[in-house]
Amino acid sequence: MMSYNNYYMRLRVKAVQEFDRMYHEPEYKAKCHKRVWKRLGCYIFGISYQSYLDYLKMDVSDVPPTPLEAQQAKRKLVDKLLERELQVKKQPVRRKEPEEVKKEPVEQE
């Protein structure tokens, strides 16, 4: 139960719950609540894992559902983020060779 009645907070909670519903698959461990949060949820919503779990338990049934067009647009944007993440992981990390540091003689007094 929320300690204050903030409609925008309730909208945020609803968004987190819908996001989790899109990507969480209970039978697939790679898509458990923690991995869904870790992979994207923490970046999109900027909340801790404990807050994420708390949001999933909150009752926001009085908030109207997100329109279908908005859900589809959200899904498309998040899928693009996931696609970009996979591309970054596939590219090998090239480390630059350390440049030679030229040491200048230190004058001692």
C-alpha atoms as a PDB file:
ATOM      1  CA  MET A   1       0.000   0.000   0.000  1.00  0.00           C
ATOM      2  CA  MET A   2       1.320   3.437  -0.919  1.00  0.00           C
ATOM      3  CA  SER A   3       1.904   5.971   1.819  1.00  0.00           C
ATOM      4  CA  TYR A   4       0.608   8.882  -0.246  1.00  0.00           C
ATOM      5  CA  ASN A   5      -1.794   9.364  -3.127  1.00  0.00           C
ATOM      6  CA  ASN A   6       0.280  10.585  -6.040  1.00  0.00           C
ATOM      7  CA  TYR A   7      -1.390   9.841  -9.370  1.00  0.00           C
ATOM      8  CA  TYR A   8       1.861  10.174 -11.357  1.00  0.00           C
ATOM      9  CA  MET A   9       3.551   7.680  -9.070  1.00  0.00           C
ATOM     10  CA  ARG A  10       0.663   5.286  -9.678  1.00  0.00           C
ATOM     11  CA  LEU A  11       1.135   5.751 -13.447  1.00  0.00           C
ATOM     12  CA  ARG A  12       4.823   4.932 -13.025  1.00  0.00           C
ATOM     13  CA  VAL A  13       3.976   1.790 -11.058  1.00  0.00           C
ATOM     14  CA  LYS A  14       1.522   0.775 -13.796  1.00  0.00           C
ATOM     15  CA  ALA A  15       4.239   1.323 -16.430  1.00  0.00           C
ATOM     16  CA  VAL A  16       6.672  -0.888 -14.480  1.00  0.00           C
ATOM     17  CA  GLN A  17       4.057  -3.631 -14.159  1.00  0.00           C
ATOM     18  CA  GLU A  18       3.240  -3.518 -17.882  1.00  0.00           C
ATOM     19  CA  PHE A  19       6.945  -3.532 -18.752  1.00  0.00           C
ATOM     20  CA  ASP A  20       7.484  -6.590 -16.566  1.00  0.00           C
ATOM     21  CA  ARG A  21       4.482  -8.337 -18.122  1.00  0.00           C
ATOM     22  CA  MET A  22       5.996  -7.802 -21.578  1.00  0.00           C
ATOM     23  CA  TYR A  23       9.364  -9.415 -20.785  1.00  0.00           C
ATOM     24  CA  HIS A  24       8.952 -11.693 -17.757  1.00  0.00           C
ATOM     25  CA  GLU A  25       8.587 -15.414 -18.455  1.00  0.00           C
ATOM     26  CA  PRO A  26       8.325 -17.508 -15.254  1.00  0.00           C
ATOM     27  CA  GLU A  27       9.397 -20.760 -16.929  1.00  0.00           C
ATOM     28  CA  TYR A  28      12.517 -19.194 -18.472  1.00  0.00           C
ATOM     29  CA  LYS A  29      15.203 -18.249 -15.933  1.00  0.00           C
ATOM     30  CA  ALA A  30      16.926 -15.807 -18.291  1.00  0.00           C
ATOM     31  CA  LYS A  31      13.735 -13.738 -18.171  1.00  0.00           C
ATOM     32  CA  CYS A  32      13.037 -13.797 -14.435  1.00  0.00           C
ATOM     33  CA  HIS A  33      12.120 -10.570 -12.630  1.00  0.00           C
ATOM     34  CA  LYS A  34      15.715  -9.845 -11.595  1.00  0.00           C
ATOM     35  CA  ARG A  35      17.146 -10.261 -15.081  1.00  0.00           C
ATOM     36  CA  VAL A  36      14.373  -8.214 -16.667  1.00  0.00           C
ATOM     37  CA  TRP A  37      15.143  -5.437 -14.171  1.00  0.00           C
ATOM     38  CA  LYS A  38      18.926  -5.775 -14.512  1.00  0.00           C
ATOM     39  CA  ARG A  39      18.948  -5.827 -18.290  1.00  0.00           C
ATOM     40  CA  LEU A  40      16.711  -2.822 -18.904  1.00  0.00           C
ATOM     41  CA  GLY A  41      14.424  -1.924 -16.018  1.00  0.00           C
ATOM     42  CA  CYS A  42      17.049  -0.210 -13.918  1.00  0.00           C
ATOM     43  CA  TYR A  43      18.080   1.993 -16.878  1.00  0.00           C
ATOM     44  CA  ILE A  44      14.587   2.862 -18.091  1.00  0.00           C
ATOM     45  CA  PHE A  45      12.993   3.532 -14.707  1.00  0.00           C
ATOM     46  CA  GLY A  46      16.066   4.351 -12.617  1.00  0.00           C
ATOM     47  CA  ILE A  47      14.943   2.325  -9.607  1.00  0.00           C
ATOM     48  CA  SER A  48      16.525  -0.300  -7.396  1.00  0.00           C
ATOM     49  CA  TYR A  49      15.618  -3.969  -7.620  1.00  0.00           C
ATOM     50  CA  GLN A  50      13.762  -3.773  -4.305  1.00  0.00           C
ATOM     51  CA  SER A  51      11.650  -0.872  -5.582  1.00  0.00           C
ATOM     52  CA  TYR A  52      10.992  -2.845  -8.762  1.00  0.00           C
ATOM     53  CA  LEU A  53       9.657  -5.763  -6.716  1.00  0.00           C
ATOM     54  CA  ASP A  54       7.605  -3.413  -4.534  1.00  0.00           C
ATOM     55  CA  TYR A  55       6.050  -1.851  -7.646  1.00  0.00           C
ATOM     56  CA  LEU A  56       5.084  -5.295  -8.939  1.00  0.00           C
ATOM     57  CA  LYS A  57       3.132  -5.972  -5.729  1.00  0.00           C
ATOM     58  CA  MET A  58       1.234  -2.648  -5.671  1.00  0.00           C
ATOM     59  CA  ASP A  59      -2.432  -2.499  -6.586  1.00  0.00           C
ATOM     60  CA  VAL A  60      -3.009   0.033  -9.357  1.00  0.00           C
ATOM     61  CA  SER A  61      -6.206  -1.458 -10.727  1.00  0.00           C
ATOM     62  CA  ASP A  62      -7.867   1.970 -10.572  1.00  0.00           C
ATOM     63  CA  VAL A  63      -5.390   3.364 -13.137  1.00  0.00           C
ATOM     64  CA  PRO A  64      -6.709   2.903 -16.680  1.00  0.00           C
ATOM     65  CA  PRO A  65      -4.698   0.559 -18.917  1.00  0.00           C
ATOM     66  CA  THR A  66      -2.189   1.996 -21.346  1.00  0.00           C
ATOM     67  CA  PRO A  67      -3.624   2.321 -24.867  1.00  0.00           C
ATOM     68  CA  LEU A  68      -2.610  -0.439 -27.272  1.00  0.00           C
ATOM     69  CA  GLU A  69      -0.748   1.972 -29.590  1.00  0.00           C
ATOM     70  CA  ALA A  70       1.367   3.228 -26.682  1.00  0.00           C
ATOM     71  CA  GLN A  71       2.162  -0.342 -25.584  1.00  0.00           C
ATOM     72  CA  GLN A  72       3.265  -1.235 -29.117  1.00  0.00           C
ATOM     73  CA  ALA A  73       5.447   1.872 -29.347  1.00  0.00           C
ATOM     74  CA  LYS A  74       6.998   1.082 -25.951  1.00  0.00           C
ATOM     75  CA  ARG A  75       7.698  -2.485 -27.059  1.00  0.00           C
ATOM     76  CA  LYS A  76       9.335  -1.270 -30.271  1.00  0.00           C
ATOM     77  CA  LEU A  77      11.614   1.175 -28.412  1.00  0.00           C
ATOM     78  CA  VAL A  78      12.680  -1.399 -25.830  1.00  0.00           C
ATOM     79  CA  ASP A  79      13.344  -3.981 -28.558  1.00  0.00           C
ATOM     80  CA  LYS A  80      15.631  -1.459 -30.283  1.00  0.00           C
ATOM     81  CA  LEU A  81      17.521  -1.005 -27.019  1.00  0.00           C
ATOM     82  CA  LEU A  82      17.900  -4.779 -26.693  1.00  0.00           C
ATOM     83  CA  GLU A  83      19.076  -5.059 -30.290  1.00  0.00           C
ATOM     84  CA  ARG A  84      21.697  -2.367 -29.719  1.00  0.00           C
ATOM     85  CA  GLU A  85      22.841  -4.138 -26.556  1.00  0.00           C
ATOM     86  CA  LEU A  86      23.347  -7.388 -28.487  1.00  0.00           C
ATOM     87  CA  GLN A  87      25.359  -5.617 -31.187  1.00  0.00           C
ATOM     88  CA  VAL A  88      27.640  -4.085 -28.569  1.00  0.00           C
ATOM     89  CA  LYS A  89      28.185  -7.491 -26.951  1.00  0.00           C
ATOM     90  CA  LYS A  90      29.096  -9.103 -30.297  1.00  0.00           C
ATOM     91  CA  GLN A  91      31.781  -6.549 -31.121  1.00  0.00           C
ATOM     92  CA  PRO A  92      35.156  -7.468 -29.688  1.00  0.00           C
ATOM     93  CA  VAL A  93      36.599  -5.009 -27.247  1.00  0.00           C
ATOM     94  CA  ARG A  94      39.758  -3.592 -28.716  1.00  0.00           C
ATOM     95  CA  ARG A  95      42.156  -2.300 -26.191  1.00  0.00           C
ATOM     96  CA  LYS A  96      44.479   0.388 -27.278  1.00  0.00           C
ATOM     97  CA  GLU A  97      48.090  -0.364 -26.749  1.00  0.00           C
ATOM     98  CA  PRO A  98      49.495   1.858 -24.072  1.00  0.00           C
ATOM     99  CA  GLU A  99      51.358   4.796 -25.501  1.00  0.00           C
ATOM    100  CA  GLU A 100      54.894   5.269 -24.429  1.00  0.00           C
ATOM    101  CA  VAL A 101      55.109   7.874 -21.750  1.00  0.00           C
ATOM    102  CA  LYS A 102      58.028  10.161 -22.282  1.00  0.00           C
ATOM    103  CA  LYS A 103      59.693  10.857 -19.012  1.00  0.00           C
ATOM    104  CA  GLU A 104      61.481  14.106 -18.757  1.00  0.00           C
ATOM    105  CA  PRO A 105      64.454  14.298 -16.448  1.00  0.00           C
ATOM    106  CA  VAL A 106      63.646  15.796 -13.095  1.00  0.00           C
ATOM    107  CA  GLU A 107      66.059  18.385 -11.893  1.00  0.00           C
ATOM    108  CA  GLN A 108      67.098  17.975  -8.319  1.00  0.00           C
ATOM    109  CA  GLU A 109      68.208  20.853  -6.203  1.00  0.00           C
END
